[in-house]
Each structure stands twice: as C-alpha cells, then as structure tokens.
Protein backbone atom coordinates (compact mmCIF):
# COMPACT_ATOMS: atom_id res chain seq x y z
CA MET A 1 31.08 -18.90 22.51
CA GLU A 2 30.07 -16.85 25.60
CA MET A 3 30.57 -18.47 29.07
CA GLU A 4 27.18 -16.80 30.38
CA HIS A 5 25.83 -20.03 28.86
CA THR A 6 27.63 -22.27 31.33
CA GLU A 7 27.85 -20.22 34.32
CA ALA A 8 24.35 -21.34 35.49
CA LYS A 9 25.49 -24.92 35.39
CA ALA A 10 28.14 -26.65 37.46
CA LEU A 11 31.49 -26.67 36.02
CA GLU A 12 33.28 -30.04 35.73
CA PRO A 13 36.93 -30.61 34.76
CA TRP A 14 37.49 -32.12 31.28
CA GLN A 15 40.84 -33.26 29.50
CA GLY A 16 41.05 -34.25 25.92
CA ARG A 17 42.58 -33.62 22.42
CA ILE A 18 40.99 -30.78 20.08
CA GLU A 19 39.84 -32.62 16.92
CA ARG A 20 39.00 -29.75 14.54
CA LEU A 21 38.37 -26.14 14.63
CA GLY A 22 35.04 -24.63 14.04
CA TRP A 23 33.37 -21.31 13.57
CA GLY A 24 34.62 -18.58 15.84
CA GLY A 25 37.85 -20.26 16.76
CA LEU A 26 36.04 -23.02 19.04
CA GLY A 27 38.09 -26.27 19.50
CA LEU A 28 35.80 -29.31 19.05
CA SER A 29 36.09 -32.72 20.49
CA ARG A 30 33.75 -35.63 21.59
CA LEU A 31 32.82 -37.32 24.79
CA GLU A 32 32.71 -41.20 24.98
CA ASP A 33 28.90 -40.88 24.63
CA GLY A 34 29.23 -39.13 21.51
CA ARG A 35 28.26 -35.60 22.60
CA ALA A 36 30.09 -32.92 21.12
CA VAL A 37 32.51 -30.62 23.43
CA LEU A 38 32.87 -26.90 22.44
CA LEU A 39 35.80 -25.13 23.65
CA SER A 40 36.67 -21.43 23.73
CA SER A 41 40.07 -19.88 24.74
CA ALA A 42 41.24 -16.31 24.94
CA LEU A 43 44.31 -17.61 22.80
CA ALA A 44 44.41 -19.67 19.59
CA LEU A 45 43.72 -23.25 19.60
CA PHE A 46 45.55 -26.03 17.30
CA PRO A 47 44.04 -29.09 16.23
CA GLY A 48 45.60 -31.87 17.84
CA GLU A 49 46.65 -30.20 21.22
CA ARG A 50 45.49 -31.81 24.34
CA VAL A 51 43.98 -29.31 26.92
CA SER A 52 42.55 -29.01 30.45
CA ALA A 53 38.95 -27.14 30.49
CA ALA A 54 36.26 -26.41 32.82
CA VAL A 55 33.10 -27.60 30.89
CA ALA A 56 29.26 -27.58 31.62
CA GLN A 57 27.16 -30.45 30.66
CA HIS A 58 24.12 -29.98 28.50
CA ALA A 59 21.69 -32.47 27.23
CA ARG A 60 23.25 -32.93 23.71
CA HIS A 61 26.79 -31.24 24.23
CA CYS A 62 29.21 -29.69 26.54
CA GLU A 63 30.74 -26.44 26.46
CA GLY A 64 33.42 -24.94 28.46
CA ARG A 65 36.72 -22.86 28.26
CA VAL A 66 40.44 -24.07 28.17
CA GLU A 67 42.21 -23.50 31.41
CA ARG A 68 45.69 -24.88 30.46
CA TRP A 69 47.43 -26.86 27.81
CA LEU A 70 48.68 -30.53 28.39
CA GLN A 71 50.20 -30.76 25.09
CA SER A 72 50.80 -27.98 23.00
CA ASP A 73 51.52 -27.59 19.27
CA PRO A 74 55.12 -26.86 18.24
CA ARG A 75 54.00 -23.86 16.25
CA ARG A 76 52.55 -21.97 19.48
CA VAL A 77 54.34 -18.88 20.36
CA GLN A 78 54.23 -16.58 23.28
CA PRO A 79 51.60 -13.78 22.50
CA ALA A 80 53.22 -10.29 21.97
CA CYS A 81 50.04 -8.78 23.60
CA PRO A 82 50.54 -8.56 27.54
CA VAL A 83 46.85 -8.84 27.96
CA ALA A 84 46.10 -11.48 25.28
CA GLN A 85 44.88 -14.34 27.83
CA SER A 86 42.36 -11.82 29.48
CA CYS A 87 41.24 -9.31 26.78
CA GLY A 88 38.27 -10.38 24.87
CA GLY A 89 39.12 -8.27 21.60
CA CYS A 90 41.47 -10.77 19.82
CA GLY A 91 41.43 -14.48 19.76
CA LEU A 92 44.42 -15.32 17.45
CA TRP A 93 47.32 -14.49 19.93
CA GLY A 94 49.66 -17.24 20.15
CA SER A 95 49.25 -18.67 16.65
CA GLY A 96 52.40 -17.20 15.12
CA ALA A 97 53.02 -17.93 11.59
CA ALA A 98 50.13 -20.18 11.68
CA ARG A 99 47.64 -17.58 12.16
CA ALA A 100 46.00 -17.44 8.64
CA GLU A 101 45.97 -21.35 8.46
CA LEU A 102 44.04 -21.60 11.43
CA LYS A 103 41.70 -19.19 10.45
CA ARG A 104 41.13 -20.85 7.17
CA LEU A 105 40.43 -24.34 8.85
CA GLN A 106 37.64 -22.82 10.79
CA ILE A 107 36.28 -21.07 7.61
CA GLU A 108 36.49 -24.31 5.86
CA ASP A 109 34.57 -26.30 8.57
CA LEU A 110 31.70 -23.43 8.36
CA LEU A 111 31.40 -23.55 4.52
CA SER A 112 31.25 -27.41 4.39
CA ARG A 113 28.84 -27.79 7.31
CA GLN A 114 26.55 -24.55 6.85
CA LEU A 115 26.73 -23.93 3.32
CA ARG A 116 27.54 -27.28 1.94
CA TRP A 117 29.69 -25.44 -0.36
CA ASP A 118 32.32 -27.92 -2.15
CA GLY A 119 33.49 -25.45 -4.77
CA ALA A 120 36.56 -23.67 -4.83
CA TRP A 121 36.77 -20.48 -2.95
CA ASP A 122 39.35 -17.56 -2.86
CA TRP A 123 41.20 -16.90 0.31
CA ILE A 124 42.94 -13.36 0.77
CA SER A 125 44.93 -12.77 3.71
CA PRO A 126 47.57 -10.19 4.28
CA GLY A 127 51.18 -11.16 3.91
CA PRO A 128 54.17 -9.67 5.97
CA ALA A 129 54.27 -6.61 3.53
CA GLU A 130 50.78 -5.91 3.90
CA ALA A 131 50.51 -6.31 7.73
CA GLU A 132 50.59 -2.51 8.20
CA LEU A 133 47.69 -1.93 5.90
CA ALA A 134 45.70 -4.43 8.04
CA LEU A 135 45.89 -2.53 11.42
CA ARG A 136 42.63 -1.06 12.66
CA ARG A 137 41.98 2.58 12.21
CA ARG A 138 39.29 2.48 14.89
CA ILE A 139 39.03 1.02 18.09
CA GLN A 140 36.24 0.92 20.89
CA LEU A 141 36.73 1.27 24.53
CA HIS A 142 34.81 0.92 27.53
CA TRP A 143 35.07 3.45 30.48
CA ASP A 144 33.79 2.37 33.83
CA GLY A 145 34.69 5.81 35.74
CA ALA A 146 38.09 4.23 36.66
CA ARG A 147 39.28 1.77 34.12
CA LEU A 148 39.30 2.13 30.35
CA GLY A 149 39.90 -0.98 27.96
CA TYR A 150 38.10 -4.03 26.54
CA HIS A 151 35.74 -6.36 27.90
CA GLN A 152 36.95 -9.91 29.03
CA PRO A 153 35.63 -12.58 27.16
CA GLY A 154 31.91 -13.52 27.90
CA SER A 155 31.90 -10.58 30.56
CA HIS A 156 31.50 -6.96 30.96
CA ARG A 157 34.30 -6.51 33.21
CA ILE A 158 36.79 -4.41 31.81
CA VAL A 159 40.61 -5.33 30.87
CA GLU A 160 42.33 -2.18 31.37
CA ILE A 161 44.94 -1.62 28.42
CA GLU A 162 47.83 0.78 27.84
CA ALA A 163 48.31 -0.13 24.08
CA CYS A 164 46.68 -2.25 21.34
CA PRO A 165 48.98 -3.87 19.05
CA ALA A 166 46.22 -4.71 16.61
CA ALA A 167 45.77 -0.99 15.75
CA ALA A 168 47.58 1.68 14.04
CA PRO A 169 50.51 2.95 16.22
CA GLU A 170 49.16 6.33 16.49
CA LEU A 171 45.89 5.12 17.64
CA SER A 172 47.58 2.67 20.15
CA ALA A 173 49.37 5.53 21.69
CA ALA A 174 46.23 7.71 22.01
CA VAL A 175 44.98 5.25 24.72
CA PRO A 176 46.95 6.38 27.71
CA ALA A 177 45.86 10.11 26.63
CA LEU A 178 42.26 9.52 26.33
CA ARG A 179 42.38 7.55 29.93
CA SER A 180 44.34 10.72 31.57
CA ALA A 181 41.76 13.12 30.12
CA LEU A 182 38.97 11.05 31.54
CA GLN A 183 40.59 10.71 34.89
CA GLN A 184 41.36 14.63 35.09
CA ARG A 185 37.74 15.58 33.70
CA ALA A 186 38.96 16.96 30.79
CA LEU A 187 36.53 14.91 28.87
CA PRO A 188 33.01 13.66 30.24
CA ARG A 189 33.73 11.00 32.68
CA GLY A 190 30.28 9.35 32.86
CA LEU A 191 30.01 5.58 32.03
CA ALA A 192 30.53 5.24 28.34
CA ARG A 193 32.03 3.58 25.25
CA TRP A 194 34.58 5.65 23.40
CA GLU A 195 35.69 5.38 20.09
CA LEU A 196 39.26 6.22 18.93
CA ALA A 197 39.52 6.65 15.15
CA CYS A 198 42.03 7.75 12.60
CA GLY A 199 42.17 8.22 8.83
CA SER A 200 44.34 6.57 6.10
CA PRO A 201 47.25 7.82 6.34
CA VAL A 202 47.06 8.88 9.90
CA ARG A 203 47.00 12.57 10.41
CA ASP A 204 44.66 12.98 13.53
CA VAL A 205 43.25 10.74 16.06
CA LEU A 206 39.85 11.66 16.91
CA ALA A 207 37.89 10.58 20.12
CA TYR A 208 33.96 10.44 20.44
CA ARG A 209 31.51 8.90 22.84
CA LEU A 210 29.22 6.35 21.13
CA PRO A 211 25.48 6.51 21.55
CA ALA A 212 24.35 4.19 24.30
CA ALA A 213 22.63 1.10 23.21
CA ALA A 214 19.48 1.79 24.96
CA ALA A 215 19.38 5.27 23.41
CA MET A 216 20.06 4.07 19.93
CA ALA A 217 17.19 1.24 20.45
CA ALA A 218 14.77 3.94 21.61
CA ALA A 219 15.64 6.33 18.90
CA GLN A 220 15.29 3.56 16.20
CA ALA A 221 11.80 2.41 17.55
CA ALA A 222 10.72 6.14 17.16
CA ASP A 223 11.96 6.37 13.64
CA PRO A 224 12.85 2.91 12.42
CA GLU A 225 13.81 4.38 8.79
CA ASP A 226 16.89 5.99 10.22
CA SER A 227 19.36 3.89 11.71
CA ALA A 228 21.37 6.85 13.17
CA SER A 229 18.41 8.96 14.32
CA ALA A 230 20.28 9.03 17.98
CA GLY A 231 22.37 11.49 16.10
CA PRO A 232 25.98 11.87 15.42
CA PRO A 233 28.68 11.95 18.46
CA ALA A 234 28.99 15.21 19.43
CA PRO A 235 31.38 16.81 20.25
CA VAL A 236 34.38 15.08 18.80
CA TRP A 237 37.76 15.77 20.16
CA SER A 238 41.04 15.70 18.37
CA LEU A 239 44.51 14.85 19.99
CA ARG A 240 47.04 17.58 20.04
CA SER A 241 50.87 17.19 19.94
CA ASN A 242 51.07 18.39 23.61
CA GLY A 243 48.80 15.19 24.53
CA ARG A 244 45.62 17.38 25.17
CA TRP A 245 42.32 17.14 23.48
CA ALA A 246 40.43 19.75 21.69
CA GLU A 247 37.33 19.87 20.10
CA SER A 248 37.21 19.33 16.39
CA GLN A 249 34.81 19.49 13.44
CA ALA A 250 37.24 17.72 11.03
CA PRO A 251 36.03 14.55 9.46
CA LEU A 252 38.26 11.43 9.04
CA VAL A 253 39.93 11.29 5.48
CA HIS A 254 40.97 8.02 3.85
CA GLU A 255 43.09 8.34 0.83
CA LEU A 256 42.90 4.81 -0.87
CA GLY A 257 44.97 4.78 -3.98
CA ALA A 258 43.68 7.80 -6.17
CA VAL A 259 40.36 7.88 -4.27
CA ARG A 260 39.81 10.18 -1.13
CA LEU A 261 36.71 9.35 0.92
CA ILE A 262 35.42 11.66 3.74
CA GLN A 263 33.97 9.66 6.83
CA PRO A 264 32.14 11.74 9.51
CA PRO A 265 33.14 10.57 13.01
CA GLY A 266 30.78 7.92 13.88
CA ALA A 267 29.75 6.72 10.72
CA PHE A 268 30.19 3.26 9.66
CA PHE A 269 33.48 2.65 7.70
CA GLN A 270 35.75 -0.36 7.25
CA VAL A 271 37.85 -1.19 10.32
CA CYS A 272 41.25 -1.37 8.22
CA PRO A 273 40.33 0.83 5.01
CA PRO A 274 43.47 0.23 3.21
CA TRP A 275 43.57 -3.46 3.42
CA ALA A 276 39.82 -3.61 2.68
CA TRP A 277 40.31 -1.27 -0.43
CA GLN A 278 43.05 -3.57 -1.76
CA GLY A 279 41.21 -6.78 -0.81
CA PHE A 280 37.83 -5.88 -2.26
CA SER A 281 39.21 -4.32 -5.42
CA ARG A 282 41.45 -7.54 -6.06
CA ILE A 283 38.01 -9.66 -5.53
CA PHE A 284 35.77 -7.35 -7.83
CA SER A 285 38.32 -7.27 -10.58
CA SER A 286 38.61 -11.03 -10.79
CA TRP A 287 34.92 -11.18 -11.15
CA GLU A 288 34.53 -8.48 -13.64
CA LEU A 289 31.56 -6.74 -12.25
CA GLY A 290 29.88 -4.18 -14.52
CA GLY A 291 26.86 -3.06 -16.17
CA ALA A 292 23.96 -0.50 -16.34
CA SER A 293 23.36 0.24 -12.56
CA LEU A 294 24.81 -0.66 -9.35
CA TYR A 295 22.15 -0.82 -6.55
CA ASP A 296 24.22 -0.14 -3.53
CA ILE A 297 22.43 -1.24 -0.46
CA TYR A 298 23.55 -0.46 3.02
CA SER A 299 25.91 2.06 1.09
CA GLY A 300 27.62 3.57 4.07
CA VAL A 301 29.69 6.75 2.94
CA GLY A 302 29.75 5.12 -0.63
CA PHE A 303 32.96 2.85 -0.32
CA PHE A 304 31.91 0.26 -2.82
CA SER A 305 29.98 2.51 -5.18
CA ARG A 306 33.54 4.37 -5.26
CA MET A 307 35.41 1.36 -5.77
CA LEU A 308 33.25 0.47 -8.69
CA ALA A 309 33.04 3.78 -10.25
CA ALA A 310 34.62 2.86 -13.55
CA ASP A 311 32.34 -0.21 -13.97
CA PHE A 312 28.90 1.00 -13.95
CA GLN A 313 26.98 3.75 -15.79
CA ASN A 314 25.13 4.85 -12.76
CA PHE A 315 24.48 4.17 -8.97
CA ARG A 316 21.55 3.71 -6.84
CA LEU A 317 22.45 4.11 -3.12
CA LEU A 318 20.23 2.99 -0.28
CA GLU A 319 21.30 4.03 3.38
CA GLY A 320 19.53 4.40 6.62
CA SER A 321 22.23 6.69 8.54
CA ALA A 322 21.80 10.36 8.10
CA LEU A 323 25.46 10.69 9.27
CA ALA A 324 26.59 8.45 6.55
CA CYS A 325 24.28 10.15 3.99
CA SER A 326 25.88 13.54 4.73
CA ALA A 327 29.15 12.46 3.39
CA LEU A 328 28.01 10.93 -0.03
CA PRO A 329 27.82 14.33 -2.14
CA ARG A 330 31.62 14.71 -1.46
CA ASN A 331 32.39 11.20 -1.99
CA LEU A 332 30.71 10.47 -5.08
CA ASP A 333 31.21 13.82 -6.78
CA GLY A 334 31.25 13.19 -10.49
CA LEU A 335 29.26 10.12 -10.53
CA ASP A 336 25.75 9.60 -11.71
CA TYR A 337 24.14 8.55 -8.63
CA ARG A 338 20.64 8.72 -6.61
CA LEU A 339 20.51 8.51 -2.98
CA ARG A 340 17.66 7.31 -0.85
CA GLN A 341 17.95 7.47 2.94
CA GLN A 342 15.67 4.53 4.07
CA ASP A 343 15.82 1.35 6.05
CA ALA A 344 17.09 -1.25 3.66
CA ALA A 345 14.54 -3.77 5.27
CA THR A 346 11.68 -2.04 3.58
CA TRP A 347 13.21 -1.88 0.00
CA ASP A 348 11.13 -2.69 -2.96
CA ALA A 349 13.69 -4.81 -4.77
CA ARG A 350 11.56 -5.02 -8.03
CA GLY A 351 13.44 -1.97 -9.41
CA PRO A 352 16.71 -3.39 -10.83
CA GLN A 353 16.77 -4.78 -14.38
CA ALA A 354 18.82 -7.77 -16.00
CA ALA A 355 21.81 -5.71 -16.65
CA ASP A 356 21.94 -4.33 -13.07
CA THR A 357 23.93 -5.61 -10.18
CA VAL A 358 22.68 -5.37 -6.41
CA LEU A 359 25.26 -5.27 -3.75
CA LEU A 360 24.49 -5.55 -0.37
CA ASP A 361 26.77 -5.01 2.84
CA PRO A 362 24.39 -5.61 5.75
CA PRO A 363 25.28 -5.44 9.65
CA ARG A 364 26.74 -8.32 11.42
CA ALA A 365 23.23 -9.92 11.88
CA GLY A 366 22.80 -10.34 8.12
CA LEU A 367 19.88 -9.66 5.88
CA PRO A 368 16.49 -9.02 7.60
CA GLY A 369 13.95 -11.67 6.50
CA ARG A 370 11.67 -9.38 4.75
CA LEU A 371 14.61 -8.10 2.59
CA SER A 372 15.55 -11.85 1.96
CA ARG A 373 12.13 -12.47 0.62
CA ALA A 374 12.00 -9.46 -1.52
CA LEU A 375 15.25 -10.51 -3.16
CA LEU A 376 13.55 -13.60 -4.50
CA ASP A 377 11.47 -11.35 -6.80
CA CYS A 378 14.58 -9.26 -7.81
CA ARG A 379 15.17 -9.08 -11.62
CA ALA A 380 18.96 -8.01 -11.37
CA GLY A 381 21.13 -10.08 -13.35
CA SER A 382 24.04 -10.20 -10.37
CA LEU A 383 23.99 -10.12 -6.71
CA VAL A 384 26.85 -9.53 -4.61
CA LEU A 385 26.45 -10.32 -0.94
CA VAL A 386 29.01 -9.11 1.77
CA GLY A 387 29.08 -10.30 5.08
CA CYS A 388 31.07 -9.80 8.34
CA ASP A 389 29.82 -12.88 10.11
CA GLY A 390 30.38 -16.22 8.43
CA ALA A 391 27.14 -17.89 10.15
CA SER A 392 24.87 -15.11 8.93
CA PHE A 393 26.21 -14.99 5.73
CA CYS A 394 25.71 -18.91 5.23
CA ARG A 395 22.23 -18.29 6.49
CA ASP A 396 21.60 -15.83 4.14
CA ILE A 397 22.95 -17.58 1.09
CA GLN A 398 20.52 -20.38 2.02
CA ARG A 399 17.45 -18.16 2.10
CA LEU A 400 18.49 -16.54 -1.27
CA SER A 401 18.97 -20.13 -3.08
CA ALA A 402 15.57 -20.36 -4.18
CA GLY A 403 16.05 -17.71 -6.73
CA TRP A 404 19.73 -17.12 -6.79
CA GLU A 405 22.79 -19.41 -7.38
CA LEU A 406 26.09 -19.01 -5.76
CA ARG A 407 28.79 -18.64 -8.68
CA SER A 408 31.80 -17.47 -6.94
CA LEU A 409 32.70 -17.14 -3.06
CA ALA A 410 35.76 -15.34 -1.55
CA VAL A 411 36.64 -14.73 1.85
CA LEU A 412 38.98 -11.79 2.80
CA ASP A 413 40.99 -11.87 6.15
CA LEU A 414 39.81 -8.39 7.13
CA PHE A 415 40.54 -8.53 10.90
CA PRO A 416 43.71 -10.46 11.12
CA MET A 417 43.96 -11.02 14.78
CA THR A 418 40.50 -12.35 15.41
CA TRP A 419 38.56 -15.23 14.15
CA GLN A 420 36.24 -13.11 12.10
CA ALA A 421 36.48 -12.69 8.47
CA GLU A 422 34.57 -10.76 5.51
CA PHE A 423 32.64 -13.35 3.24
CA ILE A 424 31.76 -12.13 -0.17
CA GLY A 425 29.54 -14.18 -2.68
CA LEU A 426 28.60 -13.60 -6.30
CA LEU A 427 25.15 -14.94 -7.10
CA ARG A 428 23.23 -15.15 -10.43
CA GLN A 429 19.64 -15.42 -11.34
CA ARG A 430 18.42 -18.97 -11.59
CA ARG A 431 16.17 -19.55 -14.71
CA ARG A 432 12.65 -18.77 -14.02
CA ALA A 433 9.83 -20.99 -15.23
C-alpha cells in the first residue's frame, strides 16, 4: 500500500491487534464498526501482534502505517539490514526464520479470497542451502545528483545505501564504486535510474542507465509493437579490479546447469537466475509438460524455451523487445524454433493445436484484456501462465476461466526478502459444446 493514498487525509492514532496478513504483507484488522484496517510497515508483520499506527479514515475502510509495536511476536528478530526501516526495497526484514511462513500466509489469503482456490498448491521456497542461489543478480538504484539508493516506501525520497544484503556480494560491493564514479563525474551525473547487474556465476559487474519512463512511454507510443524501441542502455560500464569503471561490450552470461544463456544488458531476465532455473525446473518436471510445439509468449531471451528444450519438438517465440530478440539465436542454437518480434497483445492465439502448449510470462500488470479474450479461442491443449504479481495473476485466471480450467498451481518464492512471489498455473481446455 502506498502512503500517497492517505497523505491527503488527516492521520489519526490507532492501536489494535493484527488479525491476519493480506496480499502485499498488509496487516489486517477491524474497527468496532466493522470497517477493515489495512496496515503497511517497512518491517515484517506477524498475525497477533499489537501495534500503534497512524491511519486515515475512509468511508469503508482505514489505511495507515505501523509506527511502533506494543506487543511483538517472539519470533521477531533485529533486522540485519541497517536501513530496513526506511528503505522500500524489501519488506520481510525482522521475520527471521518465519520469513517463508509469513509469506505463505498472505499468499493463502490471496488465493482463497480472490481466486476461490481450495485445492492443493505447491510452495517452493529456498532453504538454507539454497539461500545463496536466491540472491539478486540485478538491482536498480536511483541517483538524484547527490544520493544513490532506493526509494523510501510510498515516496520518491532516496534512502542512501552502502550495500544491499539481498544482492550477490559482488553486486552489493559495487554500490560505493558506482556512487564514487558519479560524484567524480567519471560517469554521467544527470538524474537517473541505474541498474547494477552480474552474471551467474559472478564474473563482471555491469552498470548502465535505464531509459527514463517518459522516454520509454513516448517510444512505445510511436512504435507499440516494440517494447524496447527506446533502445538498449548505452554505453555499458564494467567494474574493474582497481575500482574504476570502463566501457564494455560484453553481455551478461548465465550458466544454469548445462545451459549457457546470454543476456544483453538491459534486456529482461530473472532477478535470481540460478534459483529461478532450479525452482521452475522442479515445477515443470512435476507437471510433465511436453508435446509438439511450445508457444513461448513474452519469451524474453529464451529462458523457458531453453529449459523445456527436451520436452517439445519445436518452439514458437513471441517477444516485443528488439534487445531480447538479439540474444535468441545464440540462446536457442540447435533448437527448431521460429521467432516473431511482436507486441504480445496483438497475437492471434488461434494457431496452436491440441498437441501444443502455450506459455505466457507477462509483465507485472498481467495479461492485456485483448490477449485474455484471444486466448479463449485458443485450441492448444495446455496453457501455462506465469505471474510475478499475485493479484494480477488471480485476475487473469478468472478472465480465462470461461475457456480454461486451472488444474495445477505452484508458487515460487523467487524474491525471498520481499512479499512478492512468482505464481505459476497449469490450465487445460474446457470441453467445448
């Protein structure tokens, strides 16, 4: 919940007990008149805790932010991140060993209330032995001309950081070097959003400026079929052993088991590639996916097609980003595939047949309405929907329910220190009259 929704209203003190957790890690309670109280916090919240908060009154509910704890859960621990209470990057600091349990509670609430799902679902979360695999391989930092860091929750104010414990150590260690280069004008100093990224395993740390949101929107308006028409981030800098940055033409390389994938800097890729590869492989193996053609929609650089290379005869990929498409010939070498650079929202879904599977991994906003409607006429035997926002995922499953039945559901804890997770659904065609 963003605090901008409440700042226009007078804030009032409130004290009470958190009854349960809702999607996004919200603590949920009720007033005596029955209205819901929605509480956000920079730190993890536990059901049963008593808190003091500043809330804004609305006609049917109240919302606000926890200011202090009156009675804490005994499992609460001191956050290891020094800026946990002011940074908007993560939301599960303080949860300790209960982190995965708390995340599962809010997912259960979402599935039961928005999806009405009462069946079993697989929950895959990294254990202690897999913690290093789940560290982030890319982070985005904001530079305002003087400070480098993350935004505060619900604000554009920057929390300056020296390191990020949610990122790979090499990536975290590069933050001061990036700040120093910006301050010394060794890199462009204009207001910008920077991305630090590395491969798997980590060999080089790259830095590049991301296209401004306004420029990206204007470019997409001019050419809506190319989601990367604003162009690749150029130039790209690599951090040298002497702490200085030098321009680089090298892509990021991810070695995932026996597979080697190339990622052009700035092209979409999984935040935690080794853990994503392990988790998705486990899910798809249990579902025994396979058949004639895999239609990989929003294919990116071919992550899922490469993962399922042994399970399908050929691959049909659709991707709007020219930058991502540039890596596909190398990443899919040896596979029988066809690629179309096209906006997925305009895809004609009537091509797949009963022996085919359609896999869709849309952006956080979920499937465009036009594509959801087109999929109702799709003749594929199976549909796999991947969603990085649970609310959007549930909405899309409901939109597809007229033609598709959800058979299997899995949730992958792909972003361990945040409330977000990756939702994966396997759907089968409903019988047509």
